[in-house]
Amino acid sequence: MKAILTWLKKSFVQFLVGLQTIGEKSPSPLCENCLPATLAKSSLPPPTAFKKKPASAKKFSGAKADFQQLLDQHGVRYFNADEVFFRGARDARLQLNTDPPRSLGPSLLAVVKVADEARHRLGKPLRINSAYRSPAYNRAIGGASGSVHMKGGALDLSGSPATLHRILKEMRSEGLFRGGIGKYRTFNHVDVRGKNADWNG
């Protein structure tokens, strides 16, 4: 009996050690440090009431699949790679935007984590109107010459604009990110440029 108990105890310890090492694989090629200094890994609270998205890396291919894997690894609850890689409504006509370069993965992840937490606090769906913009697309739609969208660190989000604006301001005042918040009539801009900025559009 003592031998059985010893064996069970040893097996249980090995099981716990195995659980600890799950997910400790080499980082995705999209992400070396995963988050820039403007949004440290520990700055956002861990996801609560996590509901697994129907999308998975298997649904996508190439850079989009890699980014979906990154979103899953970091517990992003409400957005998938397809939404984040949306090229903008006007690109259907212009055909100038592209998928974000892989090197911008860390910045893109950082701003998506901000949007994910804002969506969680809002309790209602948000839609990404604009994420990464190629320089050519940004020029064509009249974007600012130094737009953070071209660096992968900005999102335009539609849905409950007044309430979302308040939530983003609260999150920033809590120190969860440093960046710009632009208030527009039908959407909010948020970015992780590393310094705070506010404007109305």
Protein backbone atom coordinates (compact mmCIF):
# COMPACT_ATOMS: atom_id res chain seq x y z
CA MET A 1 0.00 0.00 0.00
CA LYS A 2 2.85 2.39 0.90
CA ALA A 3 4.54 1.66 -2.44
CA ILE A 4 1.29 2.50 -4.32
CA LEU A 5 0.91 5.80 -2.44
CA THR A 6 4.53 6.71 -3.19
CA TRP A 7 4.01 5.93 -6.88
CA LEU A 8 0.80 8.00 -7.00
CA LYS A 9 2.51 10.95 -5.33
CA LYS A 10 5.44 10.80 -7.78
CA SER A 11 3.07 10.56 -10.77
CA PHE A 12 1.05 13.55 -9.56
CA VAL A 13 4.20 15.69 -9.16
CA GLN A 14 5.29 14.75 -12.70
CA PHE A 15 1.82 15.69 -13.97
CA LEU A 16 2.05 19.13 -12.31
CA VAL A 17 5.51 19.72 -13.77
CA GLY A 18 4.16 18.78 -17.19
CA LEU A 19 1.34 21.31 -16.86
CA GLN A 20 3.85 24.04 -15.98
CA THR A 21 5.83 23.49 -19.16
CA ILE A 22 2.85 23.49 -21.52
CA GLY A 23 3.09 26.43 -23.85
CA GLU A 24 6.75 27.16 -23.07
CA LYS A 25 7.72 26.86 -26.72
CA SER A 26 9.88 29.16 -28.78
CA PRO A 27 8.14 32.44 -29.57
CA SER A 28 6.25 33.01 -32.78
CA PRO A 29 8.27 34.60 -35.61
CA LEU A 30 5.83 37.49 -35.29
CA CYS A 31 6.88 38.22 -31.75
CA GLU A 32 10.26 38.32 -30.11
CA ASN A 33 9.47 40.33 -26.99
CA CYS A 34 5.73 40.23 -27.75
CA LEU A 35 5.02 43.64 -26.22
CA PRO A 36 6.83 46.94 -26.52
CA ALA A 37 7.73 48.93 -23.41
CA THR A 38 4.48 50.88 -23.74
CA LEU A 39 2.50 47.82 -22.68
CA ALA A 40 4.40 45.42 -20.41
CA LYS A 41 3.26 41.80 -20.27
CA SER A 42 2.06 42.21 -16.70
CA SER A 43 0.32 45.56 -17.11
CA LEU A 44 -3.08 44.26 -18.18
CA PRO A 45 -4.98 42.03 -15.76
CA PRO A 46 -5.32 38.37 -16.70
CA PRO A 47 -8.39 37.58 -18.81
CA THR A 48 -11.55 36.92 -16.81
CA ALA A 49 -14.60 35.01 -17.98
CA PHE A 50 -12.57 33.85 -20.96
CA LYS A 51 -14.75 32.61 -23.78
CA LYS A 52 -12.83 30.81 -26.50
CA LYS A 53 -13.26 32.39 -29.90
CA PRO A 54 -14.52 30.13 -32.69
CA ALA A 55 -11.54 31.16 -34.81
CA SER A 56 -8.31 29.23 -34.47
CA ALA A 57 -4.93 29.28 -36.17
CA LYS A 58 -6.07 26.28 -38.24
CA LYS A 59 -8.65 28.48 -39.95
CA PHE A 60 -5.94 30.72 -41.38
CA SER A 61 -2.64 30.37 -43.17
CA GLY A 62 0.67 32.21 -43.32
CA ALA A 63 1.12 35.39 -41.29
CA LYS A 64 -2.53 35.44 -40.32
CA ALA A 65 -2.28 31.97 -38.77
CA ASP A 66 0.87 33.01 -36.90
CA PHE A 67 -0.87 36.09 -35.54
CA GLN A 68 -3.93 34.08 -34.48
CA GLN A 69 -1.63 31.76 -32.58
CA LEU A 70 -0.10 34.80 -30.90
CA LEU A 71 -3.54 36.11 -29.93
CA ASP A 72 -4.42 32.73 -28.45
CA GLN A 73 -1.15 32.51 -26.52
CA HIS A 74 -1.84 35.90 -24.94
CA GLY A 75 -5.44 35.15 -24.02
CA VAL A 76 -7.09 37.66 -26.36
CA ARG A 77 -10.79 36.98 -25.88
CA TYR A 78 -12.79 38.98 -28.38
CA PHE A 79 -10.76 39.57 -31.55
CA ASN A 80 -9.33 37.20 -34.13
CA ALA A 81 -6.68 37.59 -36.82
CA ASP A 82 -9.27 38.07 -39.55
CA GLU A 83 -10.65 41.15 -37.79
CA VAL A 84 -7.21 42.55 -36.98
CA PHE A 85 -6.02 42.08 -40.58
CA PHE A 86 -9.07 43.95 -41.97
CA ARG A 87 -7.68 46.30 -44.61
CA GLY A 88 -10.31 49.02 -44.35
CA ALA A 89 -13.60 49.56 -46.16
CA ARG A 90 -12.10 51.90 -48.73
CA ASP A 91 -9.43 49.41 -49.73
CA ALA A 92 -12.05 47.34 -51.55
CA ARG A 93 -11.95 50.11 -54.17
CA LEU A 94 -8.38 51.39 -53.76
CA GLN A 95 -6.57 48.03 -53.46
CA LEU A 96 -3.58 49.73 -51.81
CA ASN A 97 -3.45 48.25 -48.32
CA THR A 98 -1.56 45.09 -47.37
CA ASP A 99 -1.34 42.69 -44.45
CA PRO A 100 0.90 44.06 -41.69
CA PRO A 101 4.57 43.11 -41.97
CA ARG A 102 5.55 40.41 -39.49
CA SER A 103 7.97 42.81 -37.81
CA LEU A 104 5.00 44.87 -36.59
CA GLY A 105 3.47 41.91 -34.74
CA PRO A 106 4.48 43.12 -31.25
CA SER A 107 2.95 46.59 -31.71
CA LEU A 108 -0.20 45.13 -33.23
CA LEU A 109 -0.55 42.66 -30.38
CA ALA A 110 -0.09 45.44 -27.83
CA VAL A 111 -2.91 47.59 -29.19
CA VAL A 112 -5.20 44.58 -29.68
CA LYS A 113 -4.71 43.70 -25.99
CA VAL A 114 -5.81 47.22 -25.08
CA ALA A 115 -8.89 46.89 -27.32
CA ASP A 116 -9.63 43.44 -25.89
CA GLU A 117 -9.66 44.74 -22.31
CA ALA A 118 -11.78 47.74 -23.36
CA ARG A 119 -14.24 45.38 -25.05
CA HIS A 120 -14.39 43.28 -21.89
CA ARG A 121 -15.19 46.32 -19.74
CA LEU A 122 -17.72 47.61 -22.25
CA GLY A 123 -19.59 44.31 -22.35
CA LYS A 124 -20.68 44.88 -25.96
CA PRO A 125 -19.17 44.06 -29.35
CA LEU A 126 -16.61 46.35 -30.96
CA ARG A 127 -15.66 46.41 -34.61
CA ILE A 128 -12.22 47.20 -35.98
CA ASN A 129 -12.65 49.77 -38.76
CA SER A 130 -8.95 50.30 -39.39
CA ALA A 131 -5.80 48.61 -38.09
CA TYR A 132 -2.56 48.44 -40.07
CA ARG A 133 -2.30 50.82 -43.04
CA SER A 134 0.36 50.65 -45.70
CA PRO A 135 1.94 54.05 -46.45
CA ALA A 136 0.24 54.13 -49.86
CA TYR A 137 -3.20 53.39 -48.41
CA ASN A 138 -2.67 55.87 -45.57
CA ARG A 139 -1.85 58.64 -48.08
CA ALA A 140 -4.81 57.75 -50.29
CA ILE A 141 -7.34 58.11 -47.46
CA GLY A 142 -5.81 61.30 -46.07
CA GLY A 143 -4.24 59.79 -42.96
CA ALA A 144 -1.67 61.74 -40.93
CA SER A 145 1.82 61.52 -42.42
CA GLY A 146 3.18 59.98 -39.21
CA SER A 147 0.12 57.84 -38.47
CA VAL A 148 0.68 55.13 -35.86
CA HIS A 149 -1.52 52.91 -38.06
CA MET A 150 1.50 52.52 -40.38
CA LYS A 151 3.51 51.17 -37.43
CA GLY A 152 0.84 48.62 -36.52
CA GLY A 153 0.19 50.27 -33.17
CA ALA A 154 -3.27 51.79 -33.72
CA LEU A 155 -6.88 50.72 -34.10
CA ASP A 156 -10.08 52.56 -34.97
CA LEU A 157 -12.96 50.95 -33.07
CA SER A 158 -16.67 51.44 -33.59
CA GLY A 159 -19.36 50.63 -31.05
CA SER A 160 -20.76 52.73 -28.15
CA PRO A 161 -18.31 55.59 -28.90
CA ALA A 162 -19.03 57.77 -25.85
CA THR A 163 -18.79 54.90 -23.36
CA LEU A 164 -15.76 53.38 -25.08
CA HIS A 165 -13.99 56.74 -24.96
CA ARG A 166 -14.54 56.92 -21.20
CA ILE A 167 -13.29 53.35 -20.73
CA LEU A 168 -10.13 53.97 -22.77
CA LYS A 169 -9.38 57.09 -20.72
CA GLU A 170 -9.88 55.12 -17.49
CA MET A 171 -7.57 52.35 -18.66
CA ARG A 172 -4.88 54.81 -19.58
CA SER A 173 -5.18 56.63 -16.26
CA GLU A 174 -4.73 53.24 -14.56
CA GLY A 175 -1.40 52.92 -16.36
CA LEU A 176 -2.44 50.03 -18.58
CA PHE A 177 -1.03 51.72 -21.67
CA ARG A 178 0.51 54.95 -22.90
CA GLY A 179 -0.80 56.30 -26.17
CA GLY A 180 -3.28 58.34 -28.10
CA ILE A 181 -7.06 58.41 -27.79
CA GLY A 182 -9.00 60.14 -30.53
CA LYS A 183 -12.72 60.73 -30.11
CA TYR A 184 -14.84 60.81 -33.25
CA ARG A 185 -18.59 60.86 -33.75
CA THR A 186 -18.93 57.18 -34.69
CA PHE A 187 -15.67 55.60 -33.52
CA ASN A 188 -12.61 55.92 -31.28
CA HIS A 189 -8.96 55.76 -32.23
CA VAL A 190 -6.55 54.16 -29.75
CA ASP A 191 -2.82 53.62 -30.11
CA VAL A 192 0.27 52.62 -28.14
CA ARG A 193 2.69 55.31 -29.35
CA GLY A 194 4.37 55.48 -25.94
CA LYS A 195 3.19 58.94 -24.94
CA ASN A 196 -0.29 60.20 -24.15
CA ALA A 197 -2.25 62.33 -26.61
CA ASP A 198 -5.91 63.31 -26.91
CA TRP A 199 -7.94 64.88 -29.67
CA ASN A 200 -11.44 65.17 -31.11
CA GLY A 201 -12.06 64.49 -34.78
